[in-house]
Amino acid sequence: MQIQTSNFWTDIITNRILIASFFSWGGAQCIKIFSGLLRKERFNFKWIMVTGGMPSAHSASVSSLAASTGMVNGFGSVIFAVTAVFSLIIMFDAQGLRRMAGLQAEALNRLIEDIYSNTGMQQQHLREVLGHTPVEVLMGAILGIFIAIIVVTF
């Protein structure tokens, strides 16, 4: 079987579903960076790839994926159903399981501090902000759908 590569890159860079999803992720991350600049009055490179925070980039990208897939292929299509269910699972995980892991890390950090405070030894802290609140997930989903509408219709 011969794979046609002549239009591969053109197809990728003109795929409105991919564009909407990547712009949604990037837009959410830019909002986090901008709000970090306002809060901390300095730039931190970690903010580019950090998980957690407002809005959820995971939710923005997968809701944009589902919405743009529905707009391009129809909301009654099988591919929309697959992306919608996939998106709901990702969003549930972002505010459920990953958030609980962050709360566990917070408790472990307090325990480590208690243990090592008497010895004077330094221990690396676990990252505590792993997941999202339901509001962060909702705002990410709204952002993703909004960007999908803009990218697909224009």
N, C-alpha and C. Protein backbone atom coordinates (compact mmCIF):
# COMPACT_ATOMS: atom_id res chain seq x y z
N MET A 1 0.84 -1.18 0.00
CA MET A 1 0.00 0.00 0.00
C MET A 1 0.88 1.24 0.00
N GLN A 2 0.64 2.12 -0.91
CA GLN A 2 1.39 3.36 -1.05
C GLN A 2 0.73 4.46 -0.22
N ILE A 3 1.52 5.16 0.60
CA ILE A 3 1.02 6.27 1.38
C ILE A 3 1.26 7.55 0.60
N GLN A 4 0.21 8.32 0.39
CA GLN A 4 0.33 9.57 -0.34
C GLN A 4 0.87 10.64 0.60
N THR A 5 2.03 11.20 0.28
CA THR A 5 2.65 12.20 1.15
C THR A 5 2.66 13.59 0.54
N SER A 6 2.25 13.73 -0.70
CA SER A 6 2.35 15.02 -1.37
C SER A 6 1.51 16.10 -0.68
N ASN A 7 0.37 15.74 -0.15
CA ASN A 7 -0.49 16.72 0.50
C ASN A 7 -0.49 16.59 2.02
N PHE A 8 0.35 15.73 2.57
CA PHE A 8 0.33 15.44 4.00
C PHE A 8 0.48 16.70 4.84
N TRP A 9 1.56 17.44 4.63
CA TRP A 9 1.81 18.64 5.44
C TRP A 9 0.79 19.73 5.19
N THR A 10 0.37 19.87 3.96
CA THR A 10 -0.68 20.85 3.65
C THR A 10 -1.97 20.49 4.37
N ASP A 11 -2.32 19.20 4.35
CA ASP A 11 -3.52 18.75 5.05
C ASP A 11 -3.43 19.00 6.55
N ILE A 12 -2.25 18.77 7.12
CA ILE A 12 -2.06 18.97 8.56
C ILE A 12 -2.21 20.44 8.93
N ILE A 13 -1.52 21.33 8.21
CA ILE A 13 -1.52 22.74 8.61
C ILE A 13 -2.80 23.47 8.22
N THR A 14 -3.65 22.86 7.39
CA THR A 14 -4.93 23.47 7.05
C THR A 14 -6.11 22.78 7.72
N ASN A 15 -5.85 21.82 8.58
CA ASN A 15 -6.91 21.08 9.27
C ASN A 15 -7.49 21.98 10.37
N ARG A 16 -8.69 22.46 10.16
CA ARG A 16 -9.30 23.41 11.10
C ARG A 16 -9.56 22.79 12.47
N ILE A 17 -9.78 21.50 12.52
CA ILE A 17 -10.00 20.84 13.80
C ILE A 17 -8.72 20.86 14.63
N LEU A 18 -7.60 20.53 14.00
CA LEU A 18 -6.31 20.59 14.70
C LEU A 18 -5.96 22.03 15.08
N ILE A 19 -6.17 22.95 14.18
CA ILE A 19 -5.87 24.36 14.45
C ILE A 19 -6.67 24.85 15.65
N ALA A 20 -7.95 24.55 15.68
CA ALA A 20 -8.80 24.98 16.79
C ALA A 20 -8.31 24.38 18.11
N SER A 21 -7.96 23.11 18.08
CA SER A 21 -7.50 22.44 19.31
C SER A 21 -6.19 23.04 19.82
N PHE A 22 -5.23 23.25 18.93
CA PHE A 22 -3.95 23.83 19.34
C PHE A 22 -4.09 25.28 19.79
N PHE A 23 -4.91 26.07 19.08
CA PHE A 23 -5.15 27.45 19.51
C PHE A 23 -5.83 27.50 20.87
N SER A 24 -6.71 26.56 21.13
CA SER A 24 -7.40 26.53 22.42
C SER A 24 -6.42 26.23 23.54
N TRP A 25 -5.56 25.25 23.31
CA TRP A 25 -4.54 24.93 24.32
C TRP A 25 -3.63 26.14 24.52
N GLY A 26 -3.14 26.71 23.42
CA GLY A 26 -2.25 27.86 23.50
C GLY A 26 -2.91 29.07 24.14
N GLY A 27 -4.17 29.28 23.81
CA GLY A 27 -4.90 30.40 24.40
C GLY A 27 -5.04 30.25 25.91
N ALA A 28 -5.36 29.05 26.36
CA ALA A 28 -5.48 28.81 27.80
C ALA A 28 -4.14 29.03 28.50
N GLN A 29 -3.07 28.53 27.89
CA GLN A 29 -1.75 28.72 28.49
C GLN A 29 -1.36 30.20 28.52
N CYS A 30 -1.70 30.95 27.46
CA CYS A 30 -1.41 32.38 27.43
C CYS A 30 -2.17 33.12 28.53
N ILE A 31 -3.40 32.73 28.77
CA ILE A 31 -4.19 33.35 29.85
C ILE A 31 -3.52 33.08 31.19
N LYS A 32 -3.02 31.84 31.39
CA LYS A 32 -2.31 31.52 32.64
C LYS A 32 -1.05 32.36 32.79
N ILE A 33 -0.31 32.53 31.71
CA ILE A 33 0.93 33.32 31.75
C ILE A 33 0.60 34.78 32.06
N PHE A 34 -0.40 35.32 31.39
CA PHE A 34 -0.79 36.71 31.61
C PHE A 34 -1.27 36.93 33.04
N SER A 35 -2.10 36.02 33.56
CA SER A 35 -2.57 36.19 34.93
C SER A 35 -1.43 36.01 35.93
N GLY A 36 -0.47 35.14 35.61
CA GLY A 36 0.72 34.99 36.46
C GLY A 36 1.55 36.26 36.49
N LEU A 37 1.68 36.90 35.33
CA LEU A 37 2.41 38.17 35.27
C LEU A 37 1.72 39.25 36.10
N LEU A 38 0.40 39.27 36.06
CA LEU A 38 -0.34 40.26 36.84
C LEU A 38 -0.21 39.99 38.35
N ARG A 39 -0.28 38.72 38.73
CA ARG A 39 -0.20 38.36 40.15
C ARG A 39 1.20 38.50 40.73
N LYS A 40 2.18 37.96 40.02
CA LYS A 40 3.55 37.88 40.56
C LYS A 40 4.45 39.02 40.10
N GLU A 41 4.03 39.74 39.07
CA GLU A 41 4.81 40.84 38.49
C GLU A 41 6.18 40.39 38.01
N ARG A 42 6.27 39.16 37.56
CA ARG A 42 7.49 38.62 36.96
C ARG A 42 7.08 37.43 36.09
N PHE A 43 7.99 37.05 35.19
CA PHE A 43 7.72 35.92 34.29
C PHE A 43 8.42 34.67 34.81
N ASN A 44 7.74 33.53 34.69
CA ASN A 44 8.31 32.25 35.07
C ASN A 44 8.11 31.28 33.89
N PHE A 45 9.20 30.74 33.36
CA PHE A 45 9.11 29.84 32.20
C PHE A 45 8.27 28.59 32.49
N LYS A 46 8.16 28.20 33.74
CA LYS A 46 7.35 27.03 34.09
C LYS A 46 5.89 27.22 33.72
N TRP A 47 5.43 28.46 33.67
CA TRP A 47 4.03 28.73 33.36
C TRP A 47 3.65 28.29 31.95
N ILE A 48 4.61 28.11 31.07
CA ILE A 48 4.32 27.73 29.70
C ILE A 48 3.75 26.31 29.64
N MET A 49 4.31 25.41 30.42
CA MET A 49 3.91 24.00 30.36
C MET A 49 3.27 23.48 31.65
N VAL A 50 2.96 24.36 32.58
CA VAL A 50 2.44 23.92 33.87
C VAL A 50 1.01 23.38 33.75
N THR A 51 0.70 22.38 34.59
CA THR A 51 -0.66 21.88 34.66
C THR A 51 -1.38 22.57 35.80
N GLY A 52 -2.67 22.57 35.77
CA GLY A 52 -3.45 23.24 36.80
C GLY A 52 -3.61 24.71 36.47
N GLY A 53 -4.49 25.36 37.19
CA GLY A 53 -4.70 26.79 37.00
C GLY A 53 -5.89 27.10 36.12
N MET A 54 -6.18 28.40 36.04
CA MET A 54 -7.35 28.90 35.32
C MET A 54 -6.92 29.50 33.99
N PRO A 55 -7.55 29.11 32.90
CA PRO A 55 -8.49 28.02 32.70
C PRO A 55 -7.75 26.72 32.39
N SER A 56 -8.45 25.62 32.40
CA SER A 56 -7.86 24.33 32.10
C SER A 56 -7.53 24.23 30.61
N ALA A 57 -6.25 24.08 30.30
CA ALA A 57 -5.84 23.92 28.89
C ALA A 57 -6.28 22.56 28.36
N HIS A 58 -6.30 21.55 29.25
CA HIS A 58 -6.79 20.23 28.83
C HIS A 58 -8.25 20.36 28.37
N SER A 59 -9.07 20.99 29.19
CA SER A 59 -10.48 21.14 28.85
C SER A 59 -10.66 22.00 27.60
N ALA A 60 -9.88 23.05 27.49
CA ALA A 60 -9.99 23.93 26.32
C ALA A 60 -9.69 23.16 25.03
N SER A 61 -8.61 22.39 25.04
CA SER A 61 -8.23 21.69 23.80
C SER A 61 -9.20 20.57 23.44
N VAL A 62 -9.64 19.78 24.43
CA VAL A 62 -10.54 18.67 24.07
C VAL A 62 -11.95 19.13 23.77
N SER A 63 -12.42 20.19 24.44
CA SER A 63 -13.75 20.70 24.10
C SER A 63 -13.73 21.34 22.72
N SER A 64 -12.62 21.98 22.39
CA SER A 64 -12.47 22.53 21.04
C SER A 64 -12.42 21.42 20.00
N LEU A 65 -11.72 20.35 20.33
CA LEU A 65 -11.66 19.17 19.45
C LEU A 65 -13.06 18.63 19.17
N ALA A 66 -13.84 18.45 20.24
CA ALA A 66 -15.19 17.90 20.07
C ALA A 66 -16.10 18.87 19.33
N ALA A 67 -16.07 20.14 19.71
CA ALA A 67 -16.96 21.12 19.07
C ALA A 67 -16.63 21.28 17.59
N SER A 68 -15.35 21.42 17.27
CA SER A 68 -14.99 21.60 15.86
C SER A 68 -15.25 20.34 15.05
N THR A 69 -15.06 19.17 15.66
CA THR A 69 -15.40 17.92 14.97
C THR A 69 -16.90 17.86 14.67
N GLY A 70 -17.70 18.27 15.63
CA GLY A 70 -19.14 18.30 15.41
C GLY A 70 -19.54 19.28 14.33
N MET A 71 -18.90 20.46 14.32
CA MET A 71 -19.24 21.45 13.30
C MET A 71 -18.81 21.02 11.90
N VAL A 72 -17.67 20.32 11.80
CA VAL A 72 -17.16 19.90 10.49
C VAL A 72 -17.85 18.63 10.00
N ASN A 73 -18.03 17.65 10.88
CA ASN A 73 -18.55 16.33 10.48
C ASN A 73 -20.01 16.10 10.85
N GLY A 74 -20.60 17.02 11.57
CA GLY A 74 -21.99 16.88 12.00
C GLY A 74 -22.07 16.34 13.43
N PHE A 75 -23.00 16.89 14.18
CA PHE A 75 -23.14 16.49 15.57
C PHE A 75 -23.79 15.12 15.73
N GLY A 76 -24.27 14.54 14.65
CA GLY A 76 -24.81 13.18 14.68
C GLY A 76 -23.82 12.14 14.21
N SER A 77 -22.59 12.56 13.90
CA SER A 77 -21.59 11.63 13.36
C SER A 77 -20.96 10.79 14.47
N VAL A 78 -20.43 9.65 14.08
CA VAL A 78 -19.75 8.75 15.02
C VAL A 78 -18.49 9.42 15.55
N ILE A 79 -17.76 10.11 14.71
CA ILE A 79 -16.51 10.74 15.14
C ILE A 79 -16.78 11.83 16.17
N PHE A 80 -17.90 12.55 16.05
CA PHE A 80 -18.24 13.52 17.08
C PHE A 80 -18.55 12.81 18.39
N ALA A 81 -19.27 11.72 18.34
CA ALA A 81 -19.59 10.97 19.56
C ALA A 81 -18.32 10.50 20.26
N VAL A 82 -17.37 10.00 19.48
CA VAL A 82 -16.11 9.53 20.06
C VAL A 82 -15.35 10.70 20.71
N THR A 83 -15.24 11.83 20.01
CA THR A 83 -14.49 12.95 20.57
C THR A 83 -15.22 13.57 21.76
N ALA A 84 -16.54 13.56 21.75
CA ALA A 84 -17.30 14.12 22.88
C ALA A 84 -17.09 13.27 24.14
N VAL A 85 -17.16 11.95 23.99
CA VAL A 85 -16.94 11.07 25.15
C VAL A 85 -15.50 11.18 25.63
N PHE A 86 -14.55 11.19 24.71
CA PHE A 86 -13.14 11.37 25.04
C PHE A 86 -12.95 12.68 25.82
N SER A 87 -13.58 13.74 25.36
CA SER A 87 -13.45 15.05 26.00
C SER A 87 -14.01 15.03 27.43
N LEU A 88 -15.16 14.41 27.61
CA LEU A 88 -15.75 14.33 28.94
C LEU A 88 -14.86 13.55 29.91
N ILE A 89 -14.26 12.48 29.41
CA ILE A 89 -13.35 11.69 30.26
C ILE A 89 -12.14 12.53 30.67
N ILE A 90 -11.55 13.24 29.72
CA ILE A 90 -10.39 14.09 30.02
C ILE A 90 -10.75 15.18 31.02
N MET A 91 -11.89 15.82 30.82
CA MET A 91 -12.30 16.89 31.73
C MET A 91 -12.62 16.36 33.13
N PHE A 92 -13.26 15.20 33.19
CA PHE A 92 -13.54 14.59 34.49
C PHE A 92 -12.23 14.24 35.20
N ASP A 93 -11.30 13.69 34.46
CA ASP A 93 -10.00 13.35 35.03
C ASP A 93 -9.25 14.59 35.50
N ALA A 94 -9.31 15.67 34.75
CA ALA A 94 -8.59 16.90 35.10
C ALA A 94 -9.07 17.46 36.43
N GLN A 95 -10.37 17.38 36.70
CA GLN A 95 -10.87 17.95 37.95
C GLN A 95 -11.07 16.89 39.03
N GLY A 96 -10.98 15.65 38.71
CA GLY A 96 -11.19 14.60 39.70
C GLY A 96 -9.91 13.96 40.16
N LEU A 97 -9.45 13.01 39.40
CA LEU A 97 -8.29 12.20 39.77
C LEU A 97 -7.03 13.03 39.94
N ARG A 98 -6.73 13.88 38.97
CA ARG A 98 -5.50 14.69 39.06
C ARG A 98 -5.57 15.68 40.20
N ARG A 99 -6.75 16.21 40.50
CA ARG A 99 -6.90 17.14 41.63
C ARG A 99 -6.65 16.40 42.94
N MET A 100 -7.16 15.19 43.05
CA MET A 100 -6.93 14.40 44.27
C MET A 100 -5.44 14.07 44.43
N ALA A 101 -4.76 13.80 43.34
CA ALA A 101 -3.32 13.55 43.41
C ALA A 101 -2.59 14.79 43.91
N GLY A 102 -3.04 15.97 43.52
CA GLY A 102 -2.46 17.22 44.00
C GLY A 102 -2.68 17.41 45.49
N LEU A 103 -3.88 17.07 45.95
CA LEU A 103 -4.16 17.18 47.39
C LEU A 103 -3.33 16.19 48.20
N GLN A 104 -3.10 14.99 47.63
CA GLN A 104 -2.22 14.02 48.29
C GLN A 104 -0.80 14.56 48.37
N ALA A 105 -0.33 15.18 47.31
CA ALA A 105 1.02 15.75 47.30
C ALA A 105 1.14 16.83 48.37
N GLU A 106 0.10 17.62 48.54
CA GLU A 106 0.10 18.66 49.57
C GLU A 106 0.23 18.04 50.96
N ALA A 107 -0.53 16.99 51.22
CA ALA A 107 -0.46 16.32 52.52
C ALA A 107 0.91 15.68 52.74
N LEU A 108 1.48 15.07 51.70
CA LEU A 108 2.80 14.46 51.82
C LEU A 108 3.87 15.52 52.07
N ASN A 109 3.75 16.67 51.43
CA ASN A 109 4.71 17.75 51.66
C ASN A 109 4.69 18.22 53.12
N ARG A 110 3.47 18.33 53.69
CA ARG A 110 3.39 18.71 55.11
C ARG A 110 4.03 17.66 55.99
N LEU A 111 3.81 16.39 55.68
CA LEU A 111 4.40 15.29 56.44
C LEU A 111 5.93 15.31 56.34
N ILE A 112 6.43 15.52 55.13
CA ILE A 112 7.88 15.59 54.92
C ILE A 112 8.48 16.76 55.70
N GLU A 113 7.81 17.90 55.67
CA GLU A 113 8.29 19.06 56.43
C GLU A 113 8.37 18.74 57.92
N ASP A 114 7.34 18.06 58.44
CA ASP A 114 7.34 17.70 59.86
C ASP A 114 8.49 16.76 60.19
N ILE A 115 8.72 15.80 59.33
CA ILE A 115 9.78 14.80 59.58
C ILE A 115 11.16 15.44 59.52
N TYR A 116 11.39 16.25 58.48
CA TYR A 116 12.73 16.78 58.24
C TYR A 116 13.00 18.11 58.94
N SER A 117 12.01 18.74 59.55
CA SER A 117 12.25 20.03 60.21
C SER A 117 13.20 19.90 61.40
N ASN A 118 13.19 18.78 62.08
CA ASN A 118 14.06 18.57 63.24
C ASN A 118 15.47 18.17 62.86
N THR A 119 15.66 17.64 61.65
CA THR A 119 16.98 17.16 61.25
C THR A 119 17.78 18.21 60.50
N GLY A 120 17.12 19.24 60.00
CA GLY A 120 17.81 20.28 59.23
C GLY A 120 18.09 19.87 57.79
N MET A 121 17.64 18.69 57.37
CA MET A 121 17.85 18.22 56.00
C MET A 121 16.80 18.85 55.08
N GLN A 122 17.20 19.07 53.84
CA GLN A 122 16.31 19.62 52.84
C GLN A 122 15.73 18.49 52.00
N GLN A 123 14.47 18.55 51.72
CA GLN A 123 13.81 17.58 50.86
C GLN A 123 13.06 18.32 49.75
N GLN A 124 13.06 17.73 48.58
CA GLN A 124 12.34 18.33 47.46
C GLN A 124 10.84 18.13 47.65
N HIS A 125 10.07 19.20 47.44
CA HIS A 125 8.63 19.11 47.59
C HIS A 125 8.00 18.53 46.34
N LEU A 126 6.91 17.83 46.51
CA LEU A 126 6.12 17.32 45.39
C LEU A 126 5.27 18.46 44.83
N ARG A 127 5.01 18.41 43.55
CA ARG A 127 4.17 19.42 42.91
C ARG A 127 2.74 19.21 43.37
N GLU A 128 2.12 20.28 43.89
CA GLU A 128 0.80 20.16 44.49
C GLU A 128 -0.35 20.52 43.55
N VAL A 129 -0.14 21.43 42.62
CA VAL A 129 -1.22 21.84 41.72
C VAL A 129 -1.16 20.99 40.46
N LEU A 130 -1.86 19.88 40.49
CA LEU A 130 -1.85 18.96 39.35
C LEU A 130 -3.16 19.02 38.56
N GLY A 131 -4.25 19.19 39.25
CA GLY A 131 -5.56 19.15 38.61
C GLY A 131 -6.25 20.50 38.63
N HIS A 132 -7.53 20.46 38.38
CA HIS A 132 -8.32 21.68 38.25
C HIS A 132 -9.56 21.61 39.11
N THR A 133 -10.04 22.79 39.46
CA THR A 133 -11.35 22.88 40.10
C THR A 133 -12.41 22.75 39.01
N PRO A 134 -13.64 22.45 39.39
CA PRO A 134 -14.70 22.38 38.37
C PRO A 134 -14.86 23.69 37.59
N VAL A 135 -14.65 24.83 38.24
CA VAL A 135 -14.78 26.13 37.55
C VAL A 135 -13.68 26.28 36.51
N GLU A 136 -12.44 25.87 36.83
CA GLU A 136 -11.34 25.95 35.87
C GLU A 136 -11.62 25.06 34.66
N VAL A 137 -12.20 23.89 34.88
CA VAL A 137 -12.56 22.99 33.79
C VAL A 137 -13.67 23.60 32.94
N LEU A 138 -14.68 24.15 33.59
CA LEU A 138 -15.79 24.78 32.86
C LEU A 138 -15.30 25.96 32.01
N MET A 139 -14.46 26.81 32.59
CA MET A 139 -13.95 27.96 31.84
C MET A 139 -13.08 27.50 30.67
N GLY A 140 -12.29 26.45 30.86
CA GLY A 140 -11.51 25.90 29.76
C GLY A 140 -12.40 25.38 28.64
N ALA A 141 -13.48 24.69 29.02
CA ALA A 141 -14.41 24.16 28.02
C ALA A 141 -15.08 25.29 27.24
N ILE A 142 -15.49 26.33 27.94
CA ILE A 142 -16.12 27.48 27.27
C ILE A 142 -15.13 28.14 26.31
N LEU A 143 -13.89 28.33 26.77
CA LEU A 143 -12.85 28.91 25.90
C LEU A 143 -12.65 28.05 24.66
N GLY A 144 -12.55 26.73 24.84
CA GLY A 144 -12.33 25.82 23.71
C GLY A 144 -13.45 25.86 22.70
N ILE A 145 -14.69 25.88 23.16
CA ILE A 145 -15.83 25.92 22.25
C ILE A 145 -15.85 27.25 21.51
N PHE A 146 -15.58 28.34 22.21
CA PHE A 146 -15.53 29.67 21.60
C PHE A 146 -14.48 29.72 20.49
N ILE A 147 -13.29 29.22 20.77
CA ILE A 147 -12.21 29.22 19.76
C ILE A 147 -12.58 28.31 18.59
N ALA A 148 -13.20 27.17 18.86
CA ALA A 148 -13.62 26.26 17.78
C ALA A 148 -14.61 26.97 16.85
N ILE A 149 -15.55 27.69 17.41
CA ILE A 149 -16.53 28.41 16.58
C ILE A 149 -15.82 29.43 15.70
N ILE A 150 -14.88 30.16 16.26
CA ILE A 150 -14.15 31.17 15.49
C ILE A 150 -13.33 30.52 14.37
N VAL A 151 -12.56 29.48 14.70
CA VAL A 151 -11.66 28.86 13.71
C VAL A 151 -12.46 28.16 12.60
N VAL A 152 -13.51 27.44 12.96
CA VAL A 152 -14.24 26.66 11.94
C VAL A 152 -15.12 27.55 11.06
N THR A 153 -15.69 28.60 11.63
CA THR A 153 -16.61 29.40 10.83
C THR A 153 -15.93 30.49 10.00
N PHE A 154 -14.69 30.83 10.34
CA PHE A 154 -14.01 31.90 9.57
C PHE A 154 -12.88 31.40 8.74
